[in-house]
Amino acid sequence: DYDIKDRKSIYDHIVNDLKNDYPQYDFQVI
């Protein structure tokens, strides 16, 4: 959502969580 001030921070948090849960995969998230 555009209303979220720091969208990039949430994006980074989610990608890092996914990498921790599924370390065998390379995540390409746009």
All heavy atoms as atom14 arrays in JSON, in Angstrom:
{
  "sequence": "DYDIKDRKSIYDHIVNDLKNDYPQYDFQVI",
  "atom14_mask": [
    [1, 1, 1, 1, 1, 1, 1, 1, 0, 0, 0, 0, 0, 0],
    [1, 1, 1, 1, 1, 1, 1, 1, 1, 1, 1, 1, 0, 0],
    [1, 1, 1, 1, 1, 1, 1, 1, 0, 0, 0, 0, 0, 0],
    [1, 1, 1, 1, 1, 1, 1, 1, 0, 0, 0, 0, 0, 0],
    [1, 1, 1, 1, 1, 1, 1, 1, 1, 0, 0, 0, 0, 0],
    [1, 1, 1, 1, 1, 1, 1, 1, 0, 0, 0, 0, 0, 0],
    [1, 1, 1, 1, 1, 1, 1, 1, 1, 1, 1, 0, 0, 0],
    [1, 1, 1, 1, 1, 1, 1, 1, 1, 0, 0, 0, 0, 0],
    [1, 1, 1, 1, 1, 1, 0, 0, 0, 0, 0, 0, 0, 0],
    [1, 1, 1, 1, 1, 1, 1, 1, 0, 0, 0, 0, 0, 0],
    [1, 1, 1, 1, 1, 1, 1, 1, 1, 1, 1, 1, 0, 0],
    [1, 1, 1, 1, 1, 1, 1, 1, 0, 0, 0, 0, 0, 0],
    [1, 1, 1, 1, 1, 1, 1, 1, 1, 1, 0, 0, 0, 0],
    [1, 1, 1, 1, 1, 1, 1, 1, 0, 0, 0, 0, 0, 0],
    [1, 1, 1, 1, 1, 1, 1, 0, 0, 0, 0, 0, 0, 0],
    [1, 1, 1, 1, 1, 1, 1, 1, 0, 0, 0, 0, 0, 0],
    [1, 1, 1, 1, 1, 1, 1, 1, 0, 0, 0, 0, 0, 0],
    [1, 1, 1, 1, 1, 1, 1, 1, 0, 0, 0, 0, 0, 0],
    [1, 1, 1, 1, 1, 1, 1, 1, 1, 0, 0, 0, 0, 0],
    [1, 1, 1, 1, 1, 1, 1, 1, 0, 0, 0, 0, 0, 0],
    [1, 1, 1, 1, 1, 1, 1, 1, 0, 0, 0, 0, 0, 0],
    [1, 1, 1, 1, 1, 1, 1, 1, 1, 1, 1, 1, 0, 0],
    [1, 1, 1, 1, 1, 1, 1, 0, 0, 0, 0, 0, 0, 0],
    [1, 1, 1, 1, 1, 1, 1, 1, 1, 0, 0, 0, 0, 0],
    [1, 1, 1, 1, 1, 1, 1, 1, 1, 1, 1, 1, 0, 0],
    [1, 1, 1, 1, 1, 1, 1, 1, 0, 0, 0, 0, 0, 0],
    [1, 1, 1, 1, 1, 1, 1, 1, 1, 1, 1, 0, 0, 0],
    [1, 1, 1, 1, 1, 1, 1, 1, 1, 0, 0, 0, 0, 0],
    [1, 1, 1, 1, 1, 1, 1, 0, 0, 0, 0, 0, 0, 0],
    [1, 1, 1, 1, 1, 1, 1, 1, 0, 0, 0, 0, 0, 0]
  ],
  "atom14_positions": [
    [[0.82, -1.21, 0.0], [0.0, 0.0, 0.0], [0.86, 1.27, 0.0], [1.85, 1.37, 0.73], [-0.89, -0.01, 1.25], [-2.05, 0.97, 1.15], [-1.94, 1.94, 0.38], [-3.06, 0.76, 1.84], [0.0, 0.0, 0.0], [0.0, 0.0, 0.0], [0.0, 0.0, 0.0], [0.0, 0.0, 0.0], [0.0, 0.0, 0.0], [0.0, 0.0, 0.0]],
    [[0.45, 2.25, -0.84], [1.15, 3.54, -0.88], [1.1, 4.27, 0.46], [1.94, 5.11, 0.75], [0.53, 4.44, -1.95], [1.0, 4.15, -3.36], [0.09, 3.88, -4.37], [2.35, 4.15, -3.68], [0.51, 3.62, -5.67], [2.77, 3.88, -4.97], [1.86, 3.62, -5.96], [2.28, 3.36, -7.23], [0.0, 0.0, 0.0], [0.0, 0.0, 0.0]],
    [[0.09, 3.96, 1.27], [-0.04, 4.64, 2.57], [1.07, 4.23, 3.55], [1.28, 4.9, 4.56], [-1.4, 4.33, 3.19], [-2.55, 5.0, 2.42], [-2.27, 6.0, 1.74], [-3.69, 4.52, 2.5], [0.0, 0.0, 0.0], [0.0, 0.0, 0.0], [0.0, 0.0, 0.0], [0.0, 0.0, 0.0], [0.0, 0.0, 0.0], [0.0, 0.0, 0.0]],
    [[1.73, 3.13, 3.27], [2.85, 2.71, 4.11], [4.06, 3.6, 3.8], [4.49, 3.68, 2.65], [3.21, 1.23, 3.87], [1.99, 0.33, 4.15], [4.39, 0.82, 4.72], [1.5, 0.38, 5.57], [0.0, 0.0, 0.0], [0.0, 0.0, 0.0], [0.0, 0.0, 0.0], [0.0, 0.0, 0.0], [0.0, 0.0, 0.0], [0.0, 0.0, 0.0]],
    [[4.6, 4.25, 4.82], [5.68, 5.21, 4.59], [6.96, 4.55, 4.06], [7.6, 5.05, 3.14], [5.98, 5.97, 5.9], [4.86, 6.91, 6.31], [5.23, 7.68, 7.57], [4.12, 8.64, 7.94], [4.44, 9.41, 9.18], [0.0, 0.0, 0.0], [0.0, 0.0, 0.0], [0.0, 0.0, 0.0], [0.0, 0.0, 0.0], [0.0, 0.0, 0.0]],
    [[7.34, 3.42, 4.68], [8.57, 2.75, 4.27], [8.23, 1.4, 3.64], [8.36, 0.35, 4.28], [9.49, 2.58, 5.48], [10.91, 2.18, 5.07], [11.12, 1.91, 3.86], [11.77, 2.11, 5.95], [0.0, 0.0, 0.0], [0.0, 0.0, 0.0], [0.0, 0.0, 0.0], [0.0, 0.0, 0.0], [0.0, 0.0, 0.0], [0.0, 0.0, 0.0]],
    [[7.8, 1.42, 2.4], [7.42, 0.19, 1.7], [8.62, -0.74, 1.52], [8.5, -1.95, 1.6], [6.79, 0.54, 0.34], [5.49, 1.33, 0.47], [5.07, 1.98, -0.84], [4.73, 1.01, -1.85], [5.3, 0.94, -3.06], [6.27, 1.8, -3.38], [4.94, 0.03, -3.93], [0.0, 0.0, 0.0], [0.0, 0.0, 0.0], [0.0, 0.0, 0.0]],
    [[9.77, -0.14, 1.25], [10.98, -0.94, 1.0], [11.37, -1.74, 2.23], [11.85, -2.89, 2.12], [12.13, -0.01, 0.59], [13.4, -0.71, 0.17], [13.19, -1.53, -1.09], [14.52, -2.0, -1.7], [15.35, -2.79, -0.81], [0.0, 0.0, 0.0], [0.0, 0.0, 0.0], [0.0, 0.0, 0.0], [0.0, 0.0, 0.0], [0.0, 0.0, 0.0]],
    [[11.18, -1.17, 3.41], [11.55, -1.86, 4.65], [10.7, -3.12, 4.82], [11.22, -4.19, 5.19], [11.35, -0.92, 5.84], [11.58, -1.6, 7.05], [0.0, 0.0, 0.0], [0.0, 0.0, 0.0], [0.0, 0.0, 0.0], [0.0, 0.0, 0.0], [0.0, 0.0, 0.0], [0.0, 0.0, 0.0], [0.0, 0.0, 0.0], [0.0, 0.0, 0.0]],
    [[9.39, -3.01, 4.57], [8.5, -4.17, 4.67], [8.88, -5.21, 3.63], [8.9, -6.42, 3.9], [7.03, -3.74, 4.51], [6.62, -2.88, 5.71], [6.12, -4.95, 4.38], [5.22, -2.36, 5.64], [0.0, 0.0, 0.0], [0.0, 0.0, 0.0], [0.0, 0.0, 0.0], [0.0, 0.0, 0.0], [0.0, 0.0, 0.0], [0.0, 0.0, 0.0]],
    [[9.19, -4.74, 2.42], [9.6, -5.64, 1.34], [10.85, -6.44, 1.77], [10.88, -7.67, 1.64], [9.9, -4.82, 0.09], [10.65, -5.55, -1.0], [10.0, -6.34, -1.92], [12.04, -5.43, -1.09], [10.7, -7.02, -2.91], [12.76, -6.1, -2.07], [12.09, -6.89, -2.98], [12.78, -7.55, -3.96], [0.0, 0.0, 0.0], [0.0, 0.0, 0.0]],
    [[11.84, -5.74, 2.28], [13.08, -6.4, 2.7], [12.82, -7.41, 3.82], [13.4, -8.51, 3.84], [14.1, -5.37, 3.18], [14.64, -4.52, 2.03], [14.58, -4.98, 0.87], [15.1, -3.39, 2.3], [0.0, 0.0, 0.0], [0.0, 0.0, 0.0], [0.0, 0.0, 0.0], [0.0, 0.0, 0.0], [0.0, 0.0, 0.0], [0.0, 0.0, 0.0]],
    [[11.94, -7.04, 4.73], [11.62, -7.91, 5.87], [11.0, -9.22, 5.38], [11.38, -10.31, 5.81], [10.66, -7.18, 6.81], [10.45, -7.89, 8.1], [9.58, -7.44, 9.08], [10.96, -9.06, 8.58], [9.59, -8.28, 10.09], [10.41, -9.26, 9.82], [0.0, 0.0, 0.0], [0.0, 0.0, 0.0], [0.0, 0.0, 0.0], [0.0, 0.0, 0.0]],
    [[10.06, -9.1, 4.45], [9.37, -10.29, 3.92], [10.34, -11.19, 3.16], [10.36, -12.41, 3.36], [8.21, -9.87, 3.0], [7.1, -9.19, 3.82], [7.63, -11.07, 2.25], [6.0, -8.56, 2.99], [0.0, 0.0, 0.0], [0.0, 0.0, 0.0], [0.0, 0.0, 0.0], [0.0, 0.0, 0.0], [0.0, 0.0, 0.0], [0.0, 0.0, 0.0]],
    [[11.15, -10.6, 2.31], [12.12, -11.38, 1.52], [13.11, -12.1, 2.43], [13.44, -13.28, 2.21], [12.85, -10.47, 0.5], [13.96, -11.26, -0.2], [11.86, -9.94, -0.54], [0.0, 0.0, 0.0], [0.0, 0.0, 0.0], [0.0, 0.0, 0.0], [0.0, 0.0, 0.0], [0.0, 0.0, 0.0], [0.0, 0.0, 0.0], [0.0, 0.0, 0.0]],
    [[13.57, -11.42, 3.45], [14.5, -12.05, 4.4], [13.85, -13.22, 5.13], [14.48, -14.28, 5.33], [15.01, -11.02, 5.41], [15.99, -10.04, 4.79], [16.68, -10.37, 3.82], [16.07, -8.84, 5.35], [0.0, 0.0, 0.0], [0.0, 0.0, 0.0], [0.0, 0.0, 0.0], [0.0, 0.0, 0.0], [0.0, 0.0, 0.0], [0.0, 0.0, 0.0]],
    [[12.58, -13.05, 5.53], [11.85, -14.14, 6.19], [11.72, -15.35, 5.27], [11.88, -16.51, 5.7], [10.46, -13.67, 6.62], [10.51, -12.77, 7.85], [11.58, -12.68, 8.49], [9.47, -12.13, 8.14], [0.0, 0.0, 0.0], [0.0, 0.0, 0.0], [0.0, 0.0, 0.0], [0.0, 0.0, 0.0], [0.0, 0.0, 0.0], [0.0, 0.0, 0.0]],
    [[11.45, -15.08, 4.01], [11.28, -16.17, 3.04], [12.6, -16.91, 2.81], [12.62, -18.14, 2.68], [10.75, -15.61, 1.71], [9.31, -15.08, 1.73], [8.95, -14.44, 0.39], [8.33, -16.21, 2.05], [0.0, 0.0, 0.0], [0.0, 0.0, 0.0], [0.0, 0.0, 0.0], [0.0, 0.0, 0.0], [0.0, 0.0, 0.0], [0.0, 0.0, 0.0]],
    [[13.67, -16.15, 2.74], [14.99, -16.77, 2.55], [15.36, -17.65, 3.74], [16.0, -18.7, 3.58], [16.05, -15.7, 2.32], [15.96, -15.03, 0.96], [17.04, -13.95, 0.79], [16.97, -13.35, -0.6], [17.99, -12.27, -0.79], [0.0, 0.0, 0.0], [0.0, 0.0, 0.0], [0.0, 0.0, 0.0], [0.0, 0.0, 0.0], [0.0, 0.0, 0.0]],
    [[14.97, -17.22, 4.93], [15.25, -18.02, 6.12], [14.41, -19.3, 6.13], [14.89, -20.36, 6.54], [14.96, -17.21, 7.38], [15.97, -16.1, 7.6], [17.13, -16.21, 7.18], [15.55, -15.03, 8.26], [0.0, 0.0, 0.0], [0.0, 0.0, 0.0], [0.0, 0.0, 0.0], [0.0, 0.0, 0.0], [0.0, 0.0, 0.0], [0.0, 0.0, 0.0]],
    [[13.15, -19.19, 5.7], [12.25, -20.35, 5.7], [12.55, -21.31, 4.55], [12.33, -22.52, 4.68], [10.8, -19.89, 5.61], [10.32, -19.21, 6.89], [11.06, -19.26, 7.9], [9.23, -18.61, 6.87], [0.0, 0.0, 0.0], [0.0, 0.0, 0.0], [0.0, 0.0, 0.0], [0.0, 0.0, 0.0], [0.0, 0.0, 0.0], [0.0, 0.0, 0.0]],
    [[13.01, -20.78, 3.42], [13.27, -21.6, 2.23], [14.67, -21.28, 1.68], [14.81, -20.72, 0.59], [12.21, -21.36, 1.16], [10.8, -21.65, 1.61], [9.99, -20.64, 2.13], [10.28, -22.94, 1.53], [8.69, -20.9, 2.55], [8.98, -23.22, 1.95], [8.2, -22.2, 2.46], [6.92, -22.47, 2.86], [0.0, 0.0, 0.0], [0.0, 0.0, 0.0]],
    [[15.71, -21.64, 2.41], [17.08, -21.28, 2.01], [17.52, -21.94, 0.71], [18.49, -21.49, 0.07], [17.93, -21.76, 3.19], [17.11, -22.82, 3.84], [15.7, -22.41, 3.68], [0.0, 0.0, 0.0], [0.0, 0.0, 0.0], [0.0, 0.0, 0.0], [0.0, 0.0, 0.0], [0.0, 0.0, 0.0], [0.0, 0.0, 0.0], [0.0, 0.0, 0.0]],
    [[16.83, -23.0, 0.3], [17.22, -23.71, -0.92], [16.8, -22.98, -2.19], [17.22, -23.35, -3.29], [16.61, -25.13, -0.93], [15.1, -25.21, -1.11], [14.32, -25.11, 0.2], [14.74, -24.39, 1.1], [13.22, -25.82, 0.28], [0.0, 0.0, 0.0], [0.0, 0.0, 0.0], [0.0, 0.0, 0.0], [0.0, 0.0, 0.0], [0.0, 0.0, 0.0]],
    [[15.98, -21.91, -2.05], [15.48, -21.2, -3.23], [16.05, -19.79, -3.33], [16.32, -19.13, -2.32], [13.95, -21.12, -3.19], [13.27, -22.45, -3.41], [12.63, -23.1, -2.35], [13.26, -23.06, -4.66], [12.0, -24.33, -2.53], [12.63, -24.29, -4.86], [12.01, -24.92, -3.79], [11.4, -26.13, -3.99], [0.0, 0.0, 0.0], [0.0, 0.0, 0.0]],
    [[16.2, -19.36, -4.57], [16.57, -17.97, -4.85], [15.28, -17.19, -5.11], [14.52, -17.54, -6.02], [17.48, -17.91, -6.08], [17.79, -16.48, -6.49], [17.9, -15.62, -5.6], [17.89, -16.22, -7.71], [0.0, 0.0, 0.0], [0.0, 0.0, 0.0], [0.0, 0.0, 0.0], [0.0, 0.0, 0.0], [0.0, 0.0, 0.0], [0.0, 0.0, 0.0]],
    [[15.04, -16.16, -4.31], [13.78, -15.41, -4.43], [13.95, -14.19, -5.34], [14.83, -13.35, -5.12], [13.28, -14.97, -3.05], [12.61, -16.08, -2.3], [13.37, -16.95, -1.5], [11.25, -16.29, -2.4], [12.76, -17.99, -0.83], [10.63, -17.32, -1.72], [11.39, -18.19, -0.93], [0.0, 0.0, 0.0], [0.0, 0.0, 0.0], [0.0, 0.0, 0.0]],
    [[13.11, -14.13, -6.37], [13.08, -13.0, -7.29], [11.74, -12.29, -7.1], [10.74, -12.62, -7.76], [13.25, -13.48, -8.74], [14.55, -14.23, -8.97], [14.63, -14.88, -10.33], [13.68, -14.81, -11.12], [15.75, -15.52, -10.62], [0.0, 0.0, 0.0], [0.0, 0.0, 0.0], [0.0, 0.0, 0.0], [0.0, 0.0, 0.0], [0.0, 0.0, 0.0]],
    [[11.73, -11.35, -6.17], [10.48, -10.67, -5.79], [10.52, -9.22, -6.29], [11.45, -8.47, -5.98], [10.29, -10.69, -4.27], [8.96, -10.05, -3.89], [10.36, -12.12, -3.75], [0.0, 0.0, 0.0], [0.0, 0.0, 0.0], [0.0, 0.0, 0.0], [0.0, 0.0, 0.0], [0.0, 0.0, 0.0], [0.0, 0.0, 0.0], [0.0, 0.0, 0.0]],
    [[9.51, -8.86, -7.05], [9.41, -7.49, -7.57], [8.45, -6.7, -6.69], [7.31, -7.13, -6.45], [8.91, -7.49, -9.03], [9.94, -8.14, -9.95], [8.61, -6.07, -9.5], [9.51, -8.27, -11.39], [0.0, 0.0, 0.0], [0.0, 0.0, 0.0], [0.0, 0.0, 0.0], [0.0, 0.0, 0.0], [0.0, 0.0, 0.0], [0.0, 0.0, 0.0]]
  ]
}
